[in-house]
């Protein structure tokens, strides 16, 4: 079973969101539903990038690495935009 580090993008907010999950389709649905949290501010999130990892800890490690960049330029370089 695979785990994923992922990057979402919202055109409304012109912002990226970095996360990790075991099931991308379920997780995207959760981001698009009514809820509290950063992604609740927009309903147009789309998956821009995913990486598959064999363990949850590796996916979480990669999520943390990307978040530590704190750089839109590096994220856009990674996703190829």
N, C-alpha and C. Protein backbone atom coordinates (compact mmCIF):
# COMPACT_ATOMS: atom_id res chain seq x y z
N UNK A 1 0.85 -1.19 0.00
CA UNK A 1 0.00 0.00 0.00
C UNK A 1 0.89 1.25 0.00
N UNK A 2 0.50 2.22 -0.77
CA UNK A 2 1.31 3.44 -0.92
C UNK A 2 0.73 4.60 -0.11
N UNK A 3 1.60 5.51 0.20
CA UNK A 3 1.23 6.76 0.86
C UNK A 3 1.72 7.89 -0.04
N UNK A 4 1.08 9.03 0.03
CA UNK A 4 1.38 10.12 -0.90
C UNK A 4 1.68 11.42 -0.19
N UNK A 5 2.68 12.13 -0.68
CA UNK A 5 2.87 13.54 -0.37
C UNK A 5 2.25 14.26 -1.56
N UNK A 6 1.53 15.34 -1.31
CA UNK A 6 0.83 16.00 -2.41
C UNK A 6 0.84 17.52 -2.27
N UNK A 7 0.59 18.16 -3.41
CA UNK A 7 0.47 19.62 -3.44
C UNK A 7 -0.83 19.95 -4.16
N UNK A 8 -1.66 20.76 -3.50
CA UNK A 8 -2.90 21.26 -4.09
C UNK A 8 -2.71 22.73 -4.44
N UNK A 9 -3.53 23.21 -5.38
CA UNK A 9 -3.51 24.62 -5.74
C UNK A 9 -4.93 25.15 -5.82
N UNK A 10 -5.14 26.37 -5.33
CA UNK A 10 -6.42 27.07 -5.44
C UNK A 10 -6.20 28.35 -6.25
N UNK A 11 -6.89 28.46 -7.38
CA UNK A 11 -6.80 29.68 -8.19
C UNK A 11 -7.46 30.85 -7.46
N UNK A 12 -8.53 30.58 -6.72
CA UNK A 12 -9.23 31.63 -5.98
C UNK A 12 -8.29 32.31 -4.99
N UNK A 13 -7.53 31.50 -4.25
CA UNK A 13 -6.60 32.05 -3.26
C UNK A 13 -5.21 32.30 -3.84
N UNK A 14 -4.94 31.74 -5.01
CA UNK A 14 -3.61 31.75 -5.62
C UNK A 14 -2.57 31.26 -4.61
N UNK A 15 -2.90 30.11 -3.98
CA UNK A 15 -2.05 29.54 -2.94
C UNK A 15 -1.91 28.04 -3.15
N UNK A 16 -0.81 27.50 -2.62
CA UNK A 16 -0.56 26.07 -2.62
C UNK A 16 -0.79 25.52 -1.23
N UNK A 17 -1.14 24.23 -1.17
CA UNK A 17 -1.30 23.52 0.09
C UNK A 17 -0.53 22.21 -0.03
N UNK A 18 0.27 21.89 0.96
CA UNK A 18 1.08 20.67 0.96
C UNK A 18 0.56 19.74 2.04
N UNK A 19 0.37 18.46 1.70
CA UNK A 19 -0.11 17.49 2.67
C UNK A 19 0.36 16.09 2.34
N UNK A 20 -0.14 15.12 3.11
CA UNK A 20 0.15 13.71 2.84
C UNK A 20 -1.08 12.89 3.21
N UNK A 21 -1.22 11.73 2.57
CA UNK A 21 -2.39 10.89 2.77
C UNK A 21 -2.14 9.48 2.25
N UNK A 22 -3.08 8.60 2.53
CA UNK A 22 -3.02 7.26 1.97
C UNK A 22 -3.95 7.15 0.77
N UNK A 23 -4.99 7.97 0.70
CA UNK A 23 -5.98 7.89 -0.38
C UNK A 23 -6.23 9.29 -0.94
N UNK A 24 -5.65 9.59 -2.09
CA UNK A 24 -5.74 10.94 -2.66
C UNK A 24 -7.17 11.37 -2.97
N UNK A 25 -7.99 10.49 -3.54
CA UNK A 25 -9.34 10.90 -3.93
C UNK A 25 -10.19 11.25 -2.71
N UNK A 26 -10.08 10.44 -1.65
CA UNK A 26 -10.83 10.73 -0.42
C UNK A 26 -10.32 12.03 0.21
N UNK A 27 -9.01 12.21 0.23
CA UNK A 27 -8.43 13.41 0.86
C UNK A 27 -8.84 14.67 0.10
N UNK A 28 -8.84 14.63 -1.22
CA UNK A 28 -9.25 15.80 -1.99
C UNK A 28 -10.72 16.13 -1.70
N UNK A 29 -11.57 15.11 -1.63
CA UNK A 29 -12.97 15.34 -1.27
C UNK A 29 -13.08 16.04 0.08
N UNK A 30 -12.29 15.61 1.03
CA UNK A 30 -12.32 16.23 2.37
C UNK A 30 -11.92 17.69 2.30
N UNK A 31 -10.93 18.01 1.47
CA UNK A 31 -10.51 19.41 1.33
C UNK A 31 -11.61 20.26 0.70
N UNK A 32 -12.42 19.66 -0.17
CA UNK A 32 -13.44 20.41 -0.89
C UNK A 32 -14.76 20.53 -0.11
N UNK A 33 -14.94 19.72 0.93
CA UNK A 33 -16.16 19.78 1.74
C UNK A 33 -16.10 20.96 2.71
N UNK A 34 -17.26 21.24 3.32
CA UNK A 34 -17.30 22.26 4.37
C UNK A 34 -16.60 21.72 5.61
N UNK A 35 -15.61 22.44 6.09
CA UNK A 35 -14.86 22.05 7.27
C UNK A 35 -14.10 23.27 7.78
N UNK A 36 -13.42 23.10 8.87
CA UNK A 36 -12.56 24.17 9.38
C UNK A 36 -11.16 23.93 8.88
N UNK A 37 -10.37 24.98 8.85
CA UNK A 37 -8.99 24.83 8.44
C UNK A 37 -8.68 25.66 7.21
N UNK A 38 -7.41 25.67 6.86
CA UNK A 38 -6.93 26.52 5.76
C UNK A 38 -7.65 26.23 4.45
N UNK A 39 -7.82 24.95 4.10
CA UNK A 39 -8.40 24.65 2.79
C UNK A 39 -9.89 24.93 2.72
N UNK A 40 -10.53 25.26 3.84
CA UNK A 40 -11.95 25.60 3.80
C UNK A 40 -12.19 26.97 3.18
N UNK A 41 -11.14 27.74 2.99
CA UNK A 41 -11.27 29.10 2.45
C UNK A 41 -11.57 29.12 0.96
N UNK A 42 -11.44 27.97 0.28
CA UNK A 42 -11.71 27.90 -1.16
C UNK A 42 -12.30 26.53 -1.48
N UNK A 43 -13.02 26.46 -2.59
CA UNK A 43 -13.63 25.20 -3.01
C UNK A 43 -13.13 24.78 -4.40
N UNK A 44 -11.99 25.33 -4.81
CA UNK A 44 -11.47 25.01 -6.14
C UNK A 44 -10.09 24.33 -6.09
N UNK A 45 -9.80 23.62 -5.00
CA UNK A 45 -8.51 22.96 -4.87
C UNK A 45 -8.36 21.89 -5.93
N UNK A 46 -7.19 21.85 -6.56
CA UNK A 46 -6.91 20.80 -7.53
C UNK A 46 -5.52 20.23 -7.25
N UNK A 47 -5.38 18.93 -7.51
CA UNK A 47 -4.10 18.26 -7.28
C UNK A 47 -3.13 18.69 -8.37
N UNK A 48 -2.00 19.25 -7.95
CA UNK A 48 -0.96 19.68 -8.88
C UNK A 48 0.21 18.72 -8.92
N UNK A 49 0.40 17.95 -7.82
CA UNK A 49 1.58 17.11 -7.73
C UNK A 49 1.37 16.03 -6.68
N UNK A 50 1.83 14.83 -6.97
CA UNK A 50 1.85 13.76 -5.97
C UNK A 50 3.15 12.98 -6.08
N UNK A 51 3.58 12.46 -4.97
CA UNK A 51 4.72 11.54 -4.89
C UNK A 51 4.28 10.33 -4.08
N UNK A 52 4.57 9.15 -4.59
CA UNK A 52 4.24 7.92 -3.88
C UNK A 52 5.41 7.50 -2.99
N UNK A 53 5.07 7.05 -1.78
CA UNK A 53 6.07 6.58 -0.82
C UNK A 53 5.59 5.27 -0.21
N UNK A 54 6.52 4.36 0.10
CA UNK A 54 6.12 3.04 0.62
C UNK A 54 5.59 3.07 2.06
N UNK A 55 5.95 4.08 2.83
CA UNK A 55 5.48 4.14 4.23
C UNK A 55 4.91 5.52 4.54
N UNK A 56 4.05 5.54 5.55
CA UNK A 56 3.46 6.80 6.01
C UNK A 56 4.54 7.76 6.49
N UNK A 57 5.53 7.23 7.21
CA UNK A 57 6.57 8.10 7.77
C UNK A 57 7.39 8.77 6.65
N UNK A 58 7.62 8.06 5.55
CA UNK A 58 8.35 8.67 4.43
C UNK A 58 7.53 9.76 3.75
N UNK A 59 6.23 9.54 3.61
CA UNK A 59 5.36 10.56 3.02
C UNK A 59 5.30 11.79 3.93
N UNK A 60 5.20 11.57 5.23
CA UNK A 60 5.19 12.69 6.18
C UNK A 60 6.52 13.44 6.18
N UNK A 61 7.61 12.71 6.06
CA UNK A 61 8.93 13.34 6.01
C UNK A 61 9.03 14.24 4.78
N UNK A 62 8.55 13.74 3.64
CA UNK A 62 8.60 14.54 2.41
C UNK A 62 7.68 15.75 2.51
N UNK A 63 6.50 15.59 3.08
CA UNK A 63 5.59 16.72 3.29
C UNK A 63 6.30 17.80 4.11
N UNK A 64 6.94 17.39 5.19
CA UNK A 64 7.66 18.34 6.05
C UNK A 64 8.79 19.03 5.31
N UNK A 65 9.50 18.27 4.50
CA UNK A 65 10.61 18.85 3.73
C UNK A 65 10.09 19.95 2.79
N UNK A 66 9.02 19.67 2.08
CA UNK A 66 8.46 20.66 1.15
C UNK A 66 7.96 21.88 1.92
N UNK A 67 7.28 21.66 3.05
CA UNK A 67 6.78 22.79 3.85
C UNK A 67 7.91 23.65 4.39
N UNK A 68 9.03 23.04 4.73
CA UNK A 68 10.16 23.81 5.26
C UNK A 68 10.76 24.75 4.22
N UNK A 69 10.56 24.44 2.95
CA UNK A 69 11.08 25.34 1.91
C UNK A 69 10.49 26.73 2.05
N UNK A 70 9.19 26.80 2.41
CA UNK A 70 8.48 28.09 2.50
C UNK A 70 8.74 28.94 1.26
N UNK A 71 8.74 28.28 0.11
CA UNK A 71 9.09 28.96 -1.13
C UNK A 71 8.16 28.55 -2.26
N UNK A 72 7.37 29.49 -2.72
CA UNK A 72 6.49 29.25 -3.86
C UNK A 72 7.31 28.89 -5.10
N UNK A 73 8.45 29.57 -5.25
CA UNK A 73 9.30 29.33 -6.41
C UNK A 73 9.79 27.89 -6.46
N UNK A 74 10.19 27.34 -5.30
CA UNK A 74 10.68 25.95 -5.26
C UNK A 74 9.53 24.96 -5.50
N UNK A 75 8.36 25.26 -4.97
CA UNK A 75 7.18 24.39 -5.21
C UNK A 75 6.86 24.39 -6.69
N UNK A 76 6.85 25.56 -7.32
CA UNK A 76 6.50 25.63 -8.74
C UNK A 76 7.57 24.95 -9.59
N UNK A 77 8.82 24.99 -9.16
CA UNK A 77 9.88 24.27 -9.87
C UNK A 77 9.63 22.77 -9.75
N UNK A 78 9.24 22.31 -8.57
CA UNK A 78 8.97 20.89 -8.34
C UNK A 78 7.82 20.40 -9.20
N UNK A 79 6.73 21.17 -9.24
CA UNK A 79 5.55 20.71 -9.97
C UNK A 79 5.61 21.03 -11.46
N UNK A 80 6.61 21.79 -11.86
CA UNK A 80 6.79 22.06 -13.28
C UNK A 80 5.95 23.20 -13.83
N UNK A 81 5.51 24.11 -12.97
CA UNK A 81 4.75 25.28 -13.45
C UNK A 81 5.66 26.43 -13.79
